Protein backbone atom coordinates (compact mmCIF):
# COMPACT_ATOMS: atom_id res chain seq x y z
CA MET A 1 135.56 113.77 129.99
CA VAL A 2 132.01 112.42 130.19
CA LEU A 3 131.18 114.11 126.87
CA VAL A 4 134.23 112.56 125.22
CA TYR A 5 133.35 109.06 126.42
CA LEU A 6 129.72 109.31 125.32
CA GLY A 7 130.58 111.26 122.15
CA ILE A 8 132.67 108.44 120.70
CA LEU A 9 129.85 105.95 121.26
CA LEU A 10 127.20 108.29 119.82
CA PHE A 11 129.36 108.89 116.74
CA PHE A 12 129.37 105.16 115.98
CA PHE A 13 125.62 104.91 116.60
CA MET A 14 124.91 107.81 114.23
CA ALA A 15 127.22 106.26 111.63
CA GLY A 16 124.93 103.21 111.59
CA MET A 17 127.29 100.74 113.24
CA PRO A 18 125.55 97.79 114.98
CA VAL A 19 125.09 98.40 118.71
CA ALA A 20 127.36 95.59 119.94
CA PHE A 21 130.27 96.59 117.70
CA ALA A 22 129.83 100.27 118.57
CA LEU A 23 130.08 99.43 122.28
CA GLY A 24 133.11 97.15 121.91
CA ILE A 25 135.10 99.40 119.58
CA SER A 26 134.34 102.47 121.72
CA ALA A 27 135.61 100.65 124.80
CA VAL A 28 138.88 99.65 123.08
CA LEU A 29 139.42 103.19 121.74
CA LEU A 30 138.90 104.63 125.21
CA MET A 31 141.43 102.17 126.61
CA VAL A 32 143.91 103.25 123.91
CA MET A 33 143.33 106.90 124.88
CA GLN A 34 143.95 106.06 128.55
CA GLN A 35 146.93 103.71 128.27
CA GLY A 36 148.27 103.83 124.73
CA GLY A 37 147.96 100.92 122.28
CA PRO A 38 151.12 98.96 123.20
CA ASP A 39 150.30 98.99 126.93
CA ILE A 40 146.80 97.54 126.71
CA ASN A 41 146.28 94.15 128.36
CA TYR A 42 144.31 92.46 125.57
CA SER A 43 143.65 89.32 127.61
CA LEU A 44 141.78 91.58 130.05
CA ILE A 45 139.47 92.65 127.21
CA ALA A 46 138.64 89.00 126.52
CA GLN A 47 138.01 88.36 130.22
CA ARG A 48 135.65 91.34 130.47
CA LEU A 49 133.74 90.26 127.36
CA LEU A 50 133.17 86.82 128.89
CA TYR A 51 132.32 88.20 132.32
CA GLY A 52 129.06 89.84 131.21
CA PRO A 53 127.18 86.80 129.88
CA ASN A 54 128.73 84.45 132.48
CA ASN A 55 125.76 84.51 134.84
CA PHE A 56 123.41 81.66 135.75
CA ILE A 57 120.38 83.98 135.87
CA LEU A 58 120.86 84.85 132.18
CA LEU A 59 119.90 81.27 131.29
CA SER A 60 116.33 82.49 131.74
CA VAL A 61 116.68 84.78 128.70
CA PRO A 62 116.81 82.05 126.00
CA MET A 63 114.16 80.07 127.90
CA PHE A 64 111.69 82.99 127.96
CA LEU A 65 112.48 83.76 124.31
CA LEU A 66 111.92 80.10 123.40
CA ALA A 67 108.61 79.99 125.28
CA GLY A 68 107.41 83.12 123.47
CA ASN A 69 108.41 81.79 120.04
CA LEU A 70 106.71 78.47 120.75
CA MET A 71 103.53 80.25 121.85
CA ASN A 72 103.54 82.41 118.71
CA THR A 73 103.82 79.37 116.43
CA GLY A 74 101.80 76.80 118.38
CA GLY A 75 98.30 78.25 117.88
CA VAL A 76 98.26 79.97 121.26
CA THR A 77 97.87 83.54 119.95
CA ASN A 78 94.61 82.77 118.12
CA ARG A 79 93.13 81.03 121.16
CA ILE A 80 94.03 83.89 123.47
CA TYR A 81 92.60 86.43 121.03
CA ARG A 82 89.31 84.52 120.75
CA PHE A 83 89.04 84.31 124.53
CA ALA A 84 89.72 88.04 124.94
CA SER A 85 87.12 88.78 122.28
CA ALA A 86 84.55 86.65 124.12
CA MET A 87 85.26 88.53 127.37
CA VAL A 88 84.60 92.02 126.01
CA GLY A 89 81.13 91.51 124.60
CA ARG A 90 79.11 94.05 122.64
CA VAL A 91 80.68 97.46 123.34
CA ARG A 92 81.75 100.22 120.97
CA GLY A 93 85.37 99.84 119.91
CA ALA A 94 85.33 96.32 121.31
CA LEU A 95 88.21 94.99 119.23
CA GLY A 96 90.47 97.73 120.55
CA HIS A 97 89.74 96.53 124.09
CA VAL A 98 90.16 92.92 122.95
CA ASN A 99 93.56 93.88 121.58
CA ILE A 100 94.72 95.20 124.96
CA ILE A 101 93.24 92.35 127.04
CA ALA A 102 94.90 89.79 124.75
CA SER A 103 98.19 91.64 125.15
CA LEU A 104 97.83 91.58 128.95
CA ILE A 105 97.33 87.81 128.86
CA PHE A 106 100.08 87.21 126.30
CA ALA A 107 102.47 89.42 128.29
CA GLY A 108 102.57 86.67 130.90
CA MET A 109 104.19 84.35 128.36
CA THR A 110 106.62 86.23 126.10
CA GLY A 111 108.71 88.70 128.11
CA THR A 112 109.52 91.00 125.16
CA ALA A 113 107.63 93.73 123.29
CA VAL A 114 109.02 92.57 119.95
CA SER A 115 107.64 89.01 120.32
CA GLU A 116 104.24 90.32 121.34
CA ALA A 117 104.09 92.87 118.53
CA ALA A 118 105.18 90.39 115.86
CA GLY A 119 103.11 87.42 117.07
CA LEU A 120 99.89 88.73 118.55
CA GLY A 121 99.99 91.96 116.52
CA THR A 122 99.56 90.06 113.25
CA VAL A 123 96.35 88.43 114.51
CA GLN A 124 95.03 91.63 116.08
CA ILE A 125 95.55 93.90 113.09
CA LYS A 126 93.99 91.39 110.68
CA ALA A 127 90.86 91.04 112.87
CA MET A 128 90.47 94.81 113.32
CA ARG A 129 90.90 95.45 109.59
CA GLU A 130 88.22 92.90 108.72
CA ALA A 131 85.86 94.57 111.23
CA GLY A 132 86.27 97.96 109.53
CA TYR A 133 88.79 99.68 111.82
CA ASP A 134 91.31 102.15 110.41
CA PRO A 135 94.54 100.15 109.80
CA ALA A 136 96.75 102.89 111.30
CA PHE A 137 94.60 102.97 114.46
CA SER A 138 94.85 99.17 114.67
CA CYS A 139 98.65 99.43 114.50
CA ALA A 140 98.66 102.11 117.20
CA VAL A 141 96.60 100.00 119.61
CA SER A 142 98.60 96.82 118.91
CA GLY A 143 101.97 98.60 119.20
CA SER A 144 101.18 100.44 122.41
CA ALA A 145 99.68 97.30 123.98
CA ALA A 146 102.84 95.34 123.08
CA THR A 147 104.85 97.53 125.48
CA ILE A 148 103.05 95.77 128.35
CA GLY A 149 104.94 92.57 127.49
CA PRO A 150 108.23 93.45 129.24
CA ILE A 151 106.48 94.90 132.32
CA ILE A 152 104.18 92.05 133.34
CA PRO A 153 106.28 88.96 134.21
CA PRO A 154 108.12 87.22 132.69
CA SER A 155 110.30 90.06 131.43
CA VAL A 156 113.64 89.76 129.64
CA PRO A 157 114.58 93.44 130.24
CA LEU A 158 113.82 93.15 133.97
CA VAL A 159 115.98 90.01 134.19
CA ILE A 160 118.88 91.84 132.53
CA TYR A 161 118.38 94.89 134.75
CA GLY A 162 118.44 92.62 137.82
CA VAL A 163 121.74 91.12 136.71
CA LEU A 164 123.30 94.54 136.05
CA ALA A 165 121.99 96.12 139.25
CA SER A 166 122.50 93.01 141.45
CA ALA A 167 118.79 93.20 142.36
CA SER A 168 116.41 90.34 143.20
CA ILE A 169 114.97 88.93 139.97
CA GLY A 170 111.94 87.50 141.77
CA ARG A 171 111.07 90.85 143.35
CA LEU A 172 111.56 92.65 140.03
CA LEU A 173 109.24 90.29 138.16
CA ILE A 174 106.48 90.59 140.75
CA ALA A 175 106.98 94.38 140.91
CA GLY A 176 105.86 94.67 137.28
CA ILE A 177 102.35 93.27 137.82
CA ILE A 178 100.57 96.41 139.10
CA PRO A 179 102.26 98.83 136.63
CA GLY A 180 101.41 96.42 133.79
CA LEU A 181 97.74 96.33 134.80
CA LEU A 182 97.73 100.14 135.08
CA MET A 183 99.12 100.35 131.54
CA GLY A 184 96.32 98.11 130.29
CA ALA A 185 93.64 100.18 132.06
CA ALA A 186 95.08 103.47 130.77
CA LEU A 187 95.21 102.20 127.18
CA MET A 188 91.62 100.91 127.42
CA LEU A 189 90.50 104.36 128.57
CA MET A 190 92.21 105.80 125.49
CA VAL A 191 90.42 103.30 123.24
CA ALA A 192 87.09 104.17 124.91
CA TYR A 193 87.76 107.85 124.18
CA TYR A 194 88.46 107.10 120.51
CA ALA A 195 85.41 104.80 120.34
CA ALA A 196 83.10 107.59 121.48
CA ARG A 197 84.78 110.27 119.35
CA ARG A 198 85.07 108.27 116.10
CA ASN A 199 81.97 106.09 116.50
CA LEU A 200 84.01 102.91 116.22
CA PRO A 201 82.13 99.69 115.35
CA ARG A 202 80.72 97.32 117.95
CA SER A 203 81.47 93.62 118.08
CA GLY A 204 78.81 91.03 117.43
CA GLY A 205 78.77 89.86 121.01
CA LEU A 206 78.96 86.25 122.20
CA SER A 207 76.77 84.03 124.33
CA LEU A 208 77.84 82.54 127.66
CA ARG A 209 78.18 79.19 125.90
CA GLN A 210 80.61 80.70 123.37
CA LEU A 211 82.53 82.36 126.22
CA GLY A 212 82.83 78.96 127.90
CA VAL A 213 84.12 77.36 124.69
CA ALA A 214 86.69 80.17 124.22
CA LEU A 215 87.81 79.80 127.84
CA ALA A 216 88.21 76.05 127.44
CA GLN A 217 90.34 76.54 124.32
CA ALA A 218 92.55 79.17 125.99
CA PHE A 219 92.70 77.60 129.45
CA LEU A 220 95.98 75.72 129.05
CA PRO A 221 97.91 78.72 127.60
CA ILE A 222 96.50 80.98 130.34
CA LEU A 223 98.07 78.65 132.90
CA THR A 224 101.55 79.65 131.65
CA PRO A 225 101.92 82.88 133.66
CA LEU A 226 100.39 81.17 136.68
CA ILE A 227 102.99 78.39 136.45
CA ILE A 228 105.83 80.92 136.13
CA MET A 229 104.79 83.25 138.93
CA GLY A 230 103.35 80.50 141.13
CA GLY A 231 106.67 78.68 141.07
CA ILE A 232 108.66 81.82 141.89
CA ILE A 233 106.32 83.11 144.61
CA SER A 234 105.99 79.72 146.30
CA GLY A 235 109.76 79.23 146.28
CA VAL A 236 109.44 75.94 144.40
CA CYS A 237 111.73 77.21 141.63
CA THR A 238 114.02 80.10 140.80
CA PRO A 239 113.18 82.54 137.96
CA THR A 240 115.67 80.68 135.74
CA GLU A 241 114.06 77.30 136.49
CA ALA A 242 110.59 78.81 135.98
CA ALA A 243 111.70 79.99 132.52
CA GLY A 244 112.80 76.45 131.65
CA ILE A 245 109.50 75.00 132.87
CA ALA A 246 107.58 77.57 130.79
CA ALA A 247 109.56 76.62 127.67
CA VAL A 248 108.91 72.89 128.19
CA TYR A 249 105.21 73.58 128.85
CA ALA A 250 104.93 75.68 125.67
CA LEU A 251 106.65 72.89 123.71
CA ILE A 252 104.18 70.29 125.02
CA LEU A 253 101.22 72.54 124.14
CA GLY A 254 102.42 73.24 120.61
CA CYS A 255 103.70 69.77 119.68
CA CYS A 256 101.55 67.33 121.68
CA VAL A 257 98.29 69.07 122.69
CA TYR A 258 97.48 71.37 119.75
CA ARG A 259 99.85 69.64 117.29
CA GLU A 260 100.41 72.84 115.33
CA ILE A 261 104.24 72.77 115.48
CA SER A 262 105.89 70.53 112.90
CA LEU A 263 109.54 69.45 112.94
CA SER A 264 110.39 72.16 110.41
CA ASP A 265 108.58 74.74 112.58
CA LEU A 266 110.47 73.54 115.64
CA TRP A 267 113.81 73.85 113.85
CA LYS A 268 112.97 77.43 112.80
CA ILE A 269 111.86 78.29 116.37
CA LEU A 270 115.10 76.95 117.83
CA HIS A 271 117.12 78.79 115.16
CA ASP A 272 115.32 82.10 115.82
CA THR A 273 115.69 81.69 119.58
CA ALA A 274 119.40 80.95 119.28
CA ARG A 275 119.89 83.97 117.01
CA ASP A 276 117.96 86.34 119.29
CA THR A 277 119.79 85.02 122.36
CA ALA A 278 123.16 85.48 120.65
CA VAL A 279 122.27 89.07 119.76
CA VAL A 280 121.24 89.89 123.34
CA LEU A 281 124.29 88.26 124.93
CA PHE A 282 126.73 89.74 122.39
CA ILE A 283 125.38 93.21 123.20
CA LEU A 284 125.64 92.37 126.90
CA ALA A 285 129.27 91.21 126.53
CA ASN A 286 130.39 94.37 124.75
CA ALA A 287 128.33 96.61 127.03
CA THR A 288 130.01 94.98 130.04
CA LEU A 289 133.42 95.91 128.63
CA TYR A 290 132.25 99.47 127.91
CA ALA A 291 130.72 99.84 131.39
CA TRP A 292 133.96 98.52 132.97
CA VAL A 293 135.97 101.18 131.13
CA LEU A 294 133.54 103.87 132.33
CA ILE A 295 133.70 102.68 135.94
CA ARG A 296 137.49 102.39 135.80
CA SER A 297 137.58 106.02 134.63
CA ARG A 298 135.39 107.04 137.61
CA ILE A 299 132.64 108.36 135.32
CA PRO A 300 129.82 107.17 137.66
CA ILE A 301 131.46 108.92 140.62
CA MET A 302 131.88 112.12 138.62
CA LEU A 303 128.24 111.94 137.49
CA MET A 304 127.08 111.29 141.05
CA GLY A 305 129.01 114.35 142.24
CA GLU A 306 127.55 116.57 139.53
CA VAL A 307 123.96 115.51 140.24
CA THR A 308 124.17 115.57 144.04
CA ASP A 309 125.67 119.07 143.87
CA LEU A 310 122.39 120.14 142.25
CA THR A 311 120.01 118.18 144.50
CA ARG A 312 119.77 115.15 146.78
CA ASP A 313 115.99 114.91 146.54
CA PRO A 314 115.25 111.37 145.23
CA LEU A 315 112.07 112.49 143.45
CA VAL A 316 113.80 115.34 141.62
CA ILE A 317 116.63 112.99 140.61
CA LEU A 318 114.14 110.40 139.36
CA ILE A 319 112.35 113.02 137.26
CA MET A 320 115.68 114.19 135.81
CA ILE A 321 116.62 110.60 134.95
CA ASN A 322 113.16 109.98 133.45
CA ILE A 323 113.53 112.94 131.11
CA ALA A 324 116.98 111.74 130.06
CA LEU A 325 115.72 108.18 129.50
CA LEU A 326 112.80 109.37 127.38
CA VAL A 327 115.28 111.10 125.07
CA ILE A 328 117.73 108.19 125.09
CA GLY A 329 114.93 105.72 124.34
CA CYS A 330 114.26 107.52 121.05
CA PHE A 331 117.77 106.77 119.81
CA MET A 332 118.98 103.61 121.53
CA GLU A 333 117.85 99.99 121.70
CA THR A 334 116.48 98.93 125.12
CA ILE A 335 119.02 96.26 126.07
CA ALA A 336 121.96 98.40 124.96
CA ALA A 337 120.69 101.43 126.89
CA MET A 338 120.29 99.37 130.05
CA ASN A 339 123.74 97.83 129.75
CA ILE A 340 125.34 101.25 129.40
CA LEU A 341 123.27 103.21 131.92
CA VAL A 342 122.60 100.84 134.83
CA PRO A 343 126.26 100.52 135.94
CA VAL A 344 126.61 104.31 135.65
CA LEU A 345 123.39 105.15 137.52
CA ALA A 346 123.54 102.45 140.23
CA PRO A 347 125.96 104.35 142.54
CA LEU A 348 123.88 107.52 142.21
CA LEU A 349 120.65 105.67 143.08
CA ALA A 350 122.24 104.03 146.12
CA SER A 351 123.65 107.35 147.36
CA VAL A 352 120.23 109.02 147.50
CA GLY A 353 118.26 105.99 148.71
CA ILE A 354 116.25 105.13 145.58
CA ASP A 355 114.97 101.54 145.71
CA PRO A 356 116.61 99.58 142.82
CA ILE A 357 113.42 97.51 142.40
CA HIS A 358 111.34 100.67 141.96
CA PHE A 359 113.84 102.20 139.56
CA GLY A 360 114.11 98.98 137.52
CA VAL A 361 110.41 99.04 136.60
CA VAL A 362 110.52 102.81 135.98
CA MET A 363 113.51 102.40 133.68
CA VAL A 364 112.04 99.50 131.69
CA LEU A 365 108.69 101.29 131.21
CA ASN A 366 110.56 104.41 130.15
CA LEU A 367 112.57 102.52 127.54
CA MET A 368 109.43 100.70 126.35
CA ILE A 369 107.93 104.09 125.52
CA GLY A 370 111.10 104.58 123.47
CA THR A 371 110.14 101.58 121.29
CA LEU A 372 107.13 103.64 120.12
CA THR A 373 109.05 106.81 119.29
CA PRO A 374 110.93 107.66 116.09
CA PRO A 375 113.55 107.49 114.72
CA PHE A 376 114.50 104.05 116.13
CA GLY A 377 111.24 102.75 117.64
CA MET A 378 111.48 98.99 117.03
CA VAL A 379 107.76 98.33 117.64
CA LEU A 380 106.87 100.99 115.04
CA PHE A 381 108.95 99.16 112.43
CA ILE A 382 107.32 95.83 113.32
CA MET A 383 103.82 97.32 113.02
CA ASN A 384 104.77 98.77 109.65
CA LYS A 385 106.08 95.38 108.50
CA VAL A 386 103.17 93.18 109.66
CA SER A 387 100.44 95.59 108.51
CA GLY A 388 101.84 97.19 105.35
CA VAL A 389 100.66 100.59 106.63
CA PRO A 390 103.15 103.37 105.74
CA LEU A 391 105.50 104.13 108.63
CA GLU A 392 104.49 107.82 108.74
CA ARG A 393 100.84 106.86 109.30
CA VAL A 394 101.78 104.35 112.01
CA ILE A 395 103.83 107.02 113.82
CA ARG A 396 101.07 109.65 113.63
CA ALA A 397 98.43 107.21 114.91
CA THR A 398 100.66 105.96 117.74
CA MET A 399 101.70 109.35 119.17
CA PRO A 400 98.43 109.96 121.15
CA PHE A 401 98.86 106.57 122.87
CA LEU A 402 102.08 107.83 124.45
CA ILE A 403 99.88 110.01 126.70
CA PRO A 404 98.33 107.17 128.78
CA LEU A 405 101.70 105.40 128.95
CA GLY A 406 103.32 108.65 130.11
CA VAL A 407 100.64 109.06 132.80
CA VAL A 408 101.38 105.57 134.15
CA LEU A 409 105.11 106.33 134.11
CA LEU A 410 104.48 109.50 136.11
CA LEU A 411 102.27 107.63 138.60
CA ILE A 412 104.82 104.90 139.34
CA THR A 413 107.56 107.53 139.60
CA LEU A 414 105.63 109.64 142.12
CA PHE A 415 104.19 106.68 144.06
CA PRO A 416 106.86 103.96 144.47
CA GLU A 417 104.38 101.82 146.43
CA LEU A 418 102.63 100.99 143.15
CA VAL A 419 105.80 99.08 142.26
CA THR A 420 107.08 97.85 145.61
CA PHE A 421 103.80 96.88 147.35
CA LEU A 422 103.41 93.40 145.82
CA PRO A 423 107.04 92.24 146.15
CA ASP A 424 107.15 93.52 149.73
CA LEU A 425 103.93 91.68 150.52
CA VAL A 426 104.95 88.40 148.86
CA PHE A 427 108.52 88.19 150.12
CA LYS A 428 107.62 89.38 153.63
CA GLN A 429 105.53 86.23 154.03
CA GLN A 430 108.35 83.89 153.02
C-alpha cells in the first residue's frame, strides 16, 4: 500500500506536474480509491486545504521573505561583501573565504538558500571573476555557501518544520547556529585546500582604516540577526513578531538610510514576496491534504512498524532516514519534501526517542544538500542563471563541496549535542 500511495505522487512528479498540483491531485485520487467518487466529502477537502496555512506562526514566512528581498535590493549585499572582504586580508584564495563569511552574515537575514544564492551570489561571482578565479569554481563556492542560509536563523524551512512537527520555533532557530558555523568552517577548509592546490590568487589586503570604514558601512545590516535572535532569546517577541520587526528594519534601511529602494523597486519587492509566499503556502495547503490522507490510511503506523521490526536504535534509524533524505533531496523540492515526510516520520521519531529539534536541523541540512544535487538542485539552476556558466560545469565544480557539507551532516547526526546544546542552555535560563 505504501508503494501505491507514493507511486501515484512520483508519477505526477516525473510527468513534470507542479509540486502543489501533484500533491493535491494525488490526495484526491487516493480518496477516490478508498471511498469511491460519489462518497467523497468534498467540503472536507476544502477544510483540509485551509487547515495547513491557517497557523499564526506561518506569518513569519512572508516577513522573512520580505526582509530578505529588501536586503537584496537595498544595497545591503554589497556592504556585507565589502566588510567580509576587509576581514579576510591578504591570504591565498581570499575571495573564496570572503564568499563564505559574507554568506554566514547574510544567512542571519534571509532565511532561504534561494534568496542568498540569487542576491549575494550575483555580487560574489562577479567579484571573483574580476579577480581571475575560475567562474565554475566561483559558482561552486557561492552555491555551497548559500545552503547555510536556511540553517542559521532566521530560517523559513525550520519554521515550516516546527509547524508540521509541533516543535518550538524558538528552539529550532537557535539550534541552527552551531551547525551553520560548522558548515562555514568546513567550506573554508575546502577553499583553503583548493587555494593551496590550484595556487589561487591573493587579495590586495586592506588597512585597519579601510576595515573600520567597511565595518561602519555594514554595521546597521549586521544588526539584523542580532535584533531577530536577541528579541526571541530575551522573550521580548515571538519568532513571528521578530520576523515583522526584521522586515520593517530592512525597509527603513533600504528606503530611508541608504535610499537605494525606489517606489518601483518597492512594488516589485512586494510583488515577488507575495508570489513566493503564495507558492509556499499553496504547496503547504496541498501537502496538508496529502499528509491527512496518508495518516488516515495509517501509513505512518505501518512505516513505524516496519522500521522498528528492523531496529529500535535511534542512531541506526537516523542514518537510515539520512540516506533516504539524501536521495529524496535530489528529486524533490525542500518545502514539498518536508510537508510530505514530517507527518509520516513524526510518530516514528517519537516512538524511539529522537529529539524533534535535533531531527529538524538534520532534516533541513540534508535537504539543503539536495539543492546542490542534480537533477532538480534549485541552487545549481540559480548559479547557472546568474553566472552564465554551463550547468554541466557548475555541477562538476560543486560536487566536491558536498564532502564538507556531508561531514557536518554526519557530525550533527552522531552528536546531537551540537544541535541541542544552545537551545537547552538558552531556554533553561528563562
